[in-house]
PDB file of N, CA and C in Angstrom:
ATOM      1  N   UNK A   1      30.424 -41.701 128.466  1.00  0.00           N
ATOM      2  CA  UNK A   1      29.952 -40.381 128.136  1.00  0.00           C
ATOM      3  C   UNK A   1      29.242 -40.444 126.782  1.00  0.00           C
ATOM      4  N   UNK A   2      28.182 -39.673 126.654  1.00  0.00           N
ATOM      5  CA  UNK A   2      27.409 -39.674 125.416  1.00  0.00           C
ATOM      6  C   UNK A   2      27.168 -38.254 124.927  1.00  0.00           C
ATOM      7  N   UNK A   3      27.031 -38.152 123.636  1.00  0.00           N
ATOM      8  CA  UNK A   3      26.655 -36.911 122.977  1.00  0.00           C
ATOM      9  C   UNK A   3      25.454 -37.256 122.097  1.00  0.00           C
ATOM     10  N   UNK A   4      24.257 -37.265 122.699  1.00  0.00           N
ATOM     11  CA  UNK A   4      23.069 -37.769 122.006  1.00  0.00           C
ATOM     12  C   UNK A   4      22.806 -37.127 120.639  1.00  0.00           C
ATOM     13  N   UNK A   5      23.035 -35.829 120.499  1.00  0.00           N
ATOM     14  CA  UNK A   5      22.742 -35.182 119.226  1.00  0.00           C
ATOM     15  C   UNK A   5      23.634 -35.711 118.106  1.00  0.00           C
ATOM     16  N   UNK A   6      24.867 -36.045 118.429  1.00  0.00           N
ATOM     17  CA  UNK A   6      25.774 -36.633 117.441  1.00  0.00           C
ATOM     18  C   UNK A   6      25.193 -37.937 116.909  1.00  0.00           C
ATOM     19  N   UNK A   7      24.717 -38.767 117.804  1.00  0.00           N
ATOM     20  CA  UNK A   7      24.118 -40.034 117.403  1.00  0.00           C
ATOM     21  C   UNK A   7      22.861 -39.846 116.573  1.00  0.00           C
ATOM     22  N   UNK A   8      22.016 -38.917 116.972  1.00  0.00           N
ATOM     23  CA  UNK A   8      20.794 -38.649 116.206  1.00  0.00           C
ATOM     24  C   UNK A   8      21.117 -38.122 114.816  1.00  0.00           C
ATOM     25  N   UNK A   9      22.125 -37.271 114.721  1.00  0.00           N
ATOM     26  CA  UNK A   9      22.528 -36.735 113.416  1.00  0.00           C
ATOM     27  C   UNK A   9      23.043 -37.854 112.506  1.00  0.00           C
ATOM     28  N   UNK A  10      23.836 -38.753 113.066  1.00  0.00           N
ATOM     29  CA  UNK A  10      24.360 -39.884 112.298  1.00  0.00           C
ATOM     30  C   UNK A  10      23.213 -40.763 111.817  1.00  0.00           C
ATOM     31  N   UNK A  11      22.307 -41.079 112.698  1.00  0.00           N
ATOM     32  CA  UNK A  11      21.176 -41.941 112.349  1.00  0.00           C
ATOM     33  C   UNK A  11      20.329 -41.312 111.247  1.00  0.00           C
ATOM     34  N   UNK A  12      20.055 -40.023 111.366  1.00  0.00           N
ATOM     35  CA  UNK A  12      19.262 -39.314 110.364  1.00  0.00           C
ATOM     36  C   UNK A  12      19.984 -39.296 109.016  1.00  0.00           C
ATOM     37  N   UNK A  13      21.275 -38.981 109.034  1.00  0.00           N
ATOM     38  CA  UNK A  13      22.043 -38.929 107.789  1.00  0.00           C
ATOM     39  C   UNK A  13      22.097 -40.309 107.129  1.00  0.00           C
ATOM     40  N   UNK A  14      22.290 -41.348 107.929  1.00  0.00           N
ATOM     41  CA  UNK A  14      22.322 -42.720 107.382  1.00  0.00           C
ATOM     42  C   UNK A  14      21.009 -43.061 106.703  1.00  0.00           C
ATOM     43  N   UNK A  15      19.920 -42.757 107.357  1.00  0.00           N
ATOM     44  CA  UNK A  15      18.605 -43.095 106.804  1.00  0.00           C
ATOM     45  C   UNK A  15      18.295 -42.290 105.541  1.00  0.00           C
ATOM     46  N   UNK A  16      18.754 -41.053 105.498  1.00  0.00           N
ATOM     47  CA  UNK A  16      18.496 -40.218 104.326  1.00  0.00           C
ATOM     48  C   UNK A  16      19.386 -40.600 103.142  1.00  0.00           C
ATOM     49  N   UNK A  17      20.657 -40.896 103.405  1.00  0.00           N
ATOM     50  CA  UNK A  17      21.612 -41.187 102.327  1.00  0.00           C
ATOM     51  C   UNK A  17      21.507 -42.624 101.839  1.00  0.00           C
ATOM     52  N   UNK A  18      21.230 -43.543 102.750  1.00  0.00           N
ATOM     53  CA  UNK A  18      21.126 -44.972 102.403  1.00  0.00           C
ATOM     54  C   UNK A  18      19.814 -45.540 102.956  1.00  0.00           C
ATOM     55  N   UNK A  19      18.676 -45.117 102.412  1.00  0.00           N
ATOM     56  CA  UNK A  19      17.379 -45.522 102.982  1.00  0.00           C
ATOM     57  C   UNK A  19      17.126 -47.025 102.976  1.00  0.00           C
ATOM     58  N   UNK A  20      17.763 -47.748 102.078  1.00  0.00           N
ATOM     59  CA  UNK A  20      17.542 -49.200 102.019  1.00  0.00           C
ATOM     60  C   UNK A  20      18.414 -49.965 103.014  1.00  0.00           C
ATOM     61  N   UNK A  21      19.417 -49.303 103.586  1.00  0.00           N
ATOM     62  CA  UNK A  21      20.329 -49.978 104.526  1.00  0.00           C
ATOM     63  C   UNK A  21      19.706 -50.135 105.911  1.00  0.00           C
ATOM     64  N   UNK A  22      19.838 -51.322 106.465  1.00  0.00           N
ATOM     65  CA  UNK A  22      19.541 -51.489 107.885  1.00  0.00           C
ATOM     66  C   UNK A  22      20.853 -51.254 108.640  1.00  0.00           C
ATOM     67  N   UNK A  23      20.838 -51.408 109.952  1.00  0.00           N
ATOM     68  CA  UNK A  23      22.049 -51.177 110.741  1.00  0.00           C
ATOM     69  C   UNK A  23      23.205 -52.058 110.285  1.00  0.00           C
ATOM     70  N   UNK A  24      22.937 -53.311 110.033  1.00  0.00           N
ATOM     71  CA  UNK A  24      23.997 -54.246 109.653  1.00  0.00           C
ATOM     72  C   UNK A  24      24.629 -53.854 108.321  1.00  0.00           C
ATOM     73  N   UNK A  25      23.831 -53.460 107.352  1.00  0.00           N
ATOM     74  CA  UNK A  25      24.360 -53.098 106.032  1.00  0.00           C
ATOM     75  C   UNK A  25      25.223 -51.843 106.106  1.00  0.00           C
ATOM     76  N   UNK A  26      24.762 -50.840 106.841  1.00  0.00           N
ATOM     77  CA  UNK A  26      25.559 -49.613 106.947  1.00  0.00           C
ATOM     78  C   UNK A  26      26.828 -49.865 107.761  1.00  0.00           C
ATOM     79  N   UNK A  27      26.731 -50.697 108.771  1.00  0.00           N
ATOM     80  CA  UNK A  27      27.909 -51.039 109.571  1.00  0.00           C
ATOM     81  C   UNK A  27      28.989 -51.662 108.686  1.00  0.00           C
ATOM     82  N   UNK A  28      28.594 -52.521 107.778  1.00  0.00           N
ATOM     83  CA  UNK A  28      29.549 -53.125 106.850  1.00  0.00           C
ATOM     84  C   UNK A  28      30.188 -52.048 105.979  1.00  0.00           C
ATOM     85  N   UNK A  29      29.406 -51.098 105.517  1.00  0.00           N
ATOM     86  CA  UNK A  29      29.928 -50.014 104.673  1.00  0.00           C
ATOM     87  C   UNK A  29      31.060 -49.242 105.366  1.00  0.00           C
ATOM     88  N   UNK A  30      30.925 -49.035 106.689  1.00  0.00           N
ATOM     89  CA  UNK A  30      31.942 -48.249 107.395  1.00  0.00           C
ATOM     90  C   UNK A  30      32.946 -49.121 108.144  1.00  0.00           C
ATOM     91  N   UNK A  31      32.795 -50.424 108.036  1.00  0.00           N
ATOM     92  CA  UNK A  31      33.777 -51.338 108.611  1.00  0.00           C
ATOM     93  C   UNK A  31      33.722 -51.491 110.115  1.00  0.00           C
ATOM     94  N   UNK A  32      32.500 -51.470 110.663  1.00  0.00           N
ATOM     95  CA  UNK A  32      32.325 -51.678 112.102  1.00  0.00           C
ATOM     96  C   UNK A  32      31.264 -52.753 112.309  1.00  0.00           C
ATOM     97  N   UNK A  33      31.146 -53.220 113.525  1.00  0.00           N
ATOM     98  CA  UNK A  33      30.099 -54.196 113.831  1.00  0.00           C
ATOM     99  C   UNK A  33      28.762 -53.471 113.993  1.00  0.00           C
ATOM    100  N   UNK A  34      27.701 -54.246 113.907  1.00  0.00           N
ATOM    101  CA  UNK A  34      26.358 -53.685 114.115  1.00  0.00           C
ATOM    102  C   UNK A  34      26.249 -53.076 115.512  1.00  0.00           C
ATOM    103  N   UNK A  35      26.818 -53.749 116.493  1.00  0.00           N
ATOM    104  CA  UNK A  35      26.773 -53.250 117.875  1.00  0.00           C
ATOM    105  C   UNK A  35      27.501 -51.911 118.009  1.00  0.00           C
ATOM    106  N   UNK A  36      28.640 -51.774 117.306  1.00  0.00           N
ATOM    107  CA  UNK A  36      29.381 -50.508 117.359  1.00  0.00           C
ATOM    108  C   UNK A  36      28.564 -49.398 116.714  1.00  0.00           C
ATOM    109  N   UNK A  37      27.930 -49.685 115.589  1.00  0.00           N
ATOM    110  CA  UNK A  37      27.087 -48.677 114.946  1.00  0.00           C
ATOM    111  C   UNK A  37      25.935 -48.271 115.866  1.00  0.00           C
ATOM    112  N   UNK A  38      25.365 -49.228 116.569  1.00  0.00           N
ATOM    113  CA  UNK A  38      24.306 -48.896 117.527  1.00  0.00           C
ATOM    114  C   UNK A  38      24.832 -47.917 118.575  1.00  0.00           C
ATOM    115  N   UNK A  39      26.030 -48.165 119.085  1.00  0.00           N
ATOM    116  CA  UNK A  39      26.631 -47.254 120.059  1.00  0.00           C
ATOM    117  C   UNK A  39      26.844 -45.870 119.446  1.00  0.00           C
ATOM    118  N   UNK A  40      27.312 -45.851 118.209  1.00  0.00           N
ATOM    119  CA  UNK A  40      27.546 -44.577 117.530  1.00  0.00           C
ATOM    120  C   UNK A  40      26.250 -43.791 117.390  1.00  0.00           C
ATOM    121  N   UNK A  41      25.169 -44.479 117.042  1.00  0.00           N
ATOM    122  CA  UNK A  41      23.886 -43.801 116.861  1.00  0.00           C
ATOM    123  C   UNK A  41      23.260 -43.385 118.182  1.00  0.00           C
ATOM    124  N   UNK A  42      23.848 -43.825 119.283  1.00  0.00           N
ATOM    125  CA  UNK A  42      23.443 -43.356 120.605  1.00  0.00           C
ATOM    126  C   UNK A  42      24.361 -42.233 121.078  1.00  0.00           C
ATOM    127  N   UNK A  43      25.364 -41.907 120.265  1.00  0.00           N
ATOM    128  CA  UNK A  43      26.299 -40.844 120.623  1.00  0.00           C
ATOM    129  C   UNK A  43      27.335 -41.276 121.635  1.00  0.00           C
ATOM    130  N   UNK A  44      27.629 -42.564 121.680  1.00  0.00           N
ATOM    131  CA  UNK A  44      28.581 -43.111 122.646  1.00  0.00           C
ATOM    132  C   UNK A  44      29.998 -42.695 122.268  1.00  0.00           C
ATOM    133  N   UNK A  45      30.617 -41.899 123.110  1.00  0.00           N
ATOM    134  CA  UNK A  45      31.954 -41.385 122.827  1.00  0.00           C
ATOM    135  C   UNK A  45      33.069 -42.351 123.202  1.00  0.00           C
ATOM    136  N   UNK A  46      32.717 -43.558 123.638  1.00  0.00           N
ATOM    137  CA  UNK A  46      33.753 -44.570 123.839  1.00  0.00           C
ATOM    138  C   UNK A  46      34.177 -45.165 122.489  1.00  0.00           C
ATOM    139  N   UNK A  47      33.374 -44.918 121.456  1.00  0.00           N
ATOM    140  CA  UNK A  47      33.724 -45.336 120.099  1.00  0.00           C
ATOM    141  C   UNK A  47      34.725 -44.318 119.556  1.00  0.00           C
ATOM    142  N   UNK A  48      35.762 -44.800 118.887  1.00  0.00           N
ATOM    143  CA  UNK A  48      36.809 -43.893 118.409  1.00  0.00           C
ATOM    144  C   UNK A  48      36.263 -42.879 117.403  1.00  0.00           C
ATOM    145  N   UNK A  49      36.839 -41.699 117.431  1.00  0.00           N
ATOM    146  CA  UNK A  49      36.453 -40.649 116.498  1.00  0.00           C
ATOM    147  C   UNK A  49      36.745 -41.068 115.060  1.00  0.00           C
ATOM    148  N   UNK A  50      37.725 -41.929 114.881  1.00  0.00           N
ATOM    149  CA  UNK A  50      38.062 -42.427 113.543  1.00  0.00           C
ATOM    150  C   UNK A  50      36.858 -43.148 112.922  1.00  0.00           C
ATOM    151  N   UNK A  51      36.100 -43.866 113.724  1.00  0.00           N
ATOM    152  CA  UNK A  51      34.924 -44.568 113.204  1.00  0.00           C
ATOM    153  C   UNK A  51      33.818 -43.578 112.856  1.00  0.00           C
ATOM    154  N   UNK A  52      33.662 -42.556 113.680  1.00  0.00           N
ATOM    155  CA  UNK A  52      32.694 -41.504 113.352  1.00  0.00           C
ATOM    156  C   UNK A  52      33.122 -40.798 112.056  1.00  0.00           C
ATOM    157  N   UNK A  53      34.428 -40.580 111.893  1.00  0.00           N
ATOM    158  CA  UNK A  53      34.923 -39.932 110.685  1.00  0.00           C
ATOM    159  C   UNK A  53      34.658 -40.799 109.451  1.00  0.00           C
ATOM    160  N   UNK A  54      34.860 -42.101 109.556  1.00  0.00           N
ATOM    161  CA  UNK A  54      34.583 -42.996 108.426  1.00  0.00           C
ATOM    162  C   UNK A  54      33.121 -42.879 108.000  1.00  0.00           C
ATOM    163  N   UNK A  55      32.226 -42.831 108.989  1.00  0.00           N
ATOM    164  CA  UNK A  55      30.803 -42.679 108.680  1.00  0.00           C
ATOM    165  C   UNK A  55      30.547 -41.324 108.026  1.00  0.00           C
ATOM    166  N   UNK A  56      31.150 -40.276 108.562  1.00  0.00           N
ATOM    167  CA  UNK A  56      30.969 -38.940 107.998  1.00  0.00           C
ATOM    168  C   UNK A  56      31.458 -38.891 106.557  1.00  0.00           C
ATOM    169  N   UNK A  57      32.592 -39.511 106.294  1.00  0.00           N
ATOM    170  CA  UNK A  57      33.157 -39.516 104.948  1.00  0.00           C
ATOM    171  C   UNK A  57      32.228 -40.248 103.970  1.00  0.00           C
ATOM    172  N   UNK A  58      31.735 -41.393 104.370  1.00  0.00           N
ATOM    173  CA  UNK A  58      30.827 -42.153 103.524  1.00  0.00           C
ATOM    174  C   UNK A  58      29.551 -41.357 103.235  1.00  0.00           C
ATOM    175  N   UNK A  59      29.123 -40.566 104.204  1.00  0.00           N
ATOM    176  CA  UNK A  59      27.910 -39.771 104.062  1.00  0.00           C
ATOM    177  C   UNK A  59      28.160 -38.433 103.364  1.00  0.00           C
ATOM    178  N   UNK A  60      29.407 -38.168 102.999  1.00  0.00           N
ATOM    179  CA  UNK A  60      29.740 -36.910 102.337  1.00  0.00           C
ATOM    180  C   UNK A  60      29.793 -35.726 103.287  1.00  0.00           C
ATOM    181  N   UNK A  61      30.018 -35.998 104.575  1.00  0.00           N
ATOM    182  CA  UNK A  61      30.013 -34.953 105.595  1.00  0.00           C
ATOM    183  C   UNK A  61      31.379 -34.727 106.224  1.00  0.00           C
ATOM    184  N   UNK A  62      32.450 -35.232 105.596  1.00  0.00           N
ATOM    185  CA  UNK A  62      33.765 -35.134 106.225  1.00  0.00           C
ATOM    186  C   UNK A  62      34.245 -33.698 106.379  1.00  0.00           C
ATOM    187  N   UNK A  63      33.873 -32.808 105.488  1.00  0.00           N
ATOM    188  CA  UNK A  63      34.308 -31.404 105.625  1.00  0.00           C
ATOM    189  C   UNK A  63      33.750 -30.795 106.921  1.00  0.00           C
ATOM    190  N   UNK A  64      32.487 -31.045 107.182  1.00  0.00           N
ATOM    191  CA  UNK A  64      31.879 -30.548 108.414  1.00  0.00           C
ATOM    192  C   UNK A  64      32.558 -31.175 109.628  1.00  0.00           C
ATOM    193  N   UNK A  65      32.875 -32.455 109.530  1.00  0.00           N
ATOM    194  CA  UNK A  65      33.525 -33.163 110.618  1.00  0.00           C
ATOM    195  C   UNK A  65      34.887 -32.547 110.920  1.00  0.00           C
ATOM    196  N   UNK A  66      35.635 -32.227 109.882  1.00  0.00           N
ATOM    197  CA  UNK A  66      36.972 -31.668 110.050  1.00  0.00           C
ATOM    198  C   UNK A  66      36.950 -30.277 110.677  1.00  0.00           C
ATOM    199  N   UNK A  67      35.809 -29.625 110.658  1.00  0.00           N
ATOM    200  CA  UNK A  67      35.687 -28.285 111.229  1.00  0.00           C
ATOM    201  C   UNK A  67      35.100 -28.290 112.643  1.00  0.00           C
ATOM    202  N   UNK A  68      34.980 -29.443 113.256  1.00  0.00           N
ATOM    203  CA  UNK A  68      34.343 -29.556 114.566  1.00  0.00           C
ATOM    204  C   UNK A  68      34.924 -28.632 115.627  1.00  0.00           C
ATOM    205  N   UNK A  69      36.216 -28.569 115.739  1.00  0.00           N
ATOM    206  CA  UNK A  69      36.843 -27.777 116.800  1.00  0.00           C
ATOM    207  C   UNK A  69      37.503 -26.508 116.268  1.00  0.00           C
ATOM    208  N   UNK A  70      37.104 -26.083 115.097  1.00  0.00           N
ATOM    209  CA  UNK A  70      37.681 -24.881 114.515  1.00  0.00           C
ATOM    210  C   UNK A  70      37.024 -23.653 115.135  1.00  0.00           C
ATOM    211  N   UNK A  71      37.869 -22.806 115.690  1.00  0.00           N
ATOM    212  CA  UNK A  71      37.380 -21.576 116.305  1.00  0.00           C
ATOM    213  C   UNK A  71      37.039 -20.555 115.218  1.00  0.00           C
ATOM    214  N   UNK A  72      35.880 -19.925 115.328  1.00  0.00           N
ATOM    215  CA  UNK A  72      35.554 -18.888 114.351  1.00  0.00           C
ATOM    216  C   UNK A  72      36.457 -17.668 114.556  1.00  0.00           C
ATOM    217  N   UNK A  73      36.845 -17.041 113.466  1.00  0.00           N
ATOM    218  CA  UNK A  73      37.682 -15.848 113.544  1.00  0.00           C
ATOM    219  C   UNK A  73      36.771 -14.651 113.784  1.00  0.00           C
ATOM    220  N   UNK A  74      37.263 -13.714 114.582  1.00  0.00           N
ATOM    221  CA  UNK A  74      36.493 -12.499 114.832  1.00  0.00           C
ATOM    222  C   UNK A  74      37.191 -11.314 114.161  1.00  0.00           C
ATOM    223  N   UNK A  75      36.528 -10.214 114.139  1.00  0.00           N
ATOM    224  CA  UNK A  75      37.106  -8.990 113.560  1.00  0.00           C
ATOM    225  C   UNK A  75      38.325  -8.523 114.336  1.00  0.00           C
ATOM    226  N   UNK A  76      38.466  -8.966 115.575  1.00  0.00           N
ATOM    227  CA  UNK A  76      39.560  -8.512 116.422  1.00  0.00           C
ATOM    228  C   UNK A  76      40.770  -9.428 116.414  1.00  0.00           C
ATOM    229  N   UNK A  77      40.692 -10.550 115.680  1.00  0.00           N
ATOM    230  CA  UNK A  77      41.831 -11.460 115.574  1.00  0.00           C
ATOM    231  C   UNK A  77      42.860 -10.876 114.618  1.00  0.00           C
ATOM    232  N   UNK A  78      44.135 -11.103 114.941  1.00  0.00           N
ATOM    233  CA  UNK A  78      45.194 -10.613 114.037  1.00  0.00           C
ATOM    234  C   UNK A  78      45.368 -11.517 112.870  1.00  0.00           C
TER     235      UNK A  78
END
């Protein structure tokens, strides 16, 4: 199963935050293989969420990551 937008967002954030890094260099930063990072940038959900979180944390996006499944509160919630 894939979530293509997740992969595109990761790839864009990596290129913007670490423009000098190639796939191998960024993979080392987050402690995964180059092949795993390639899967992540394709939005491959067979890669553990922990690895996506490590990338998000390195990119300064962990707060957004932690809010992924947070339901918005409405005026009618107690």
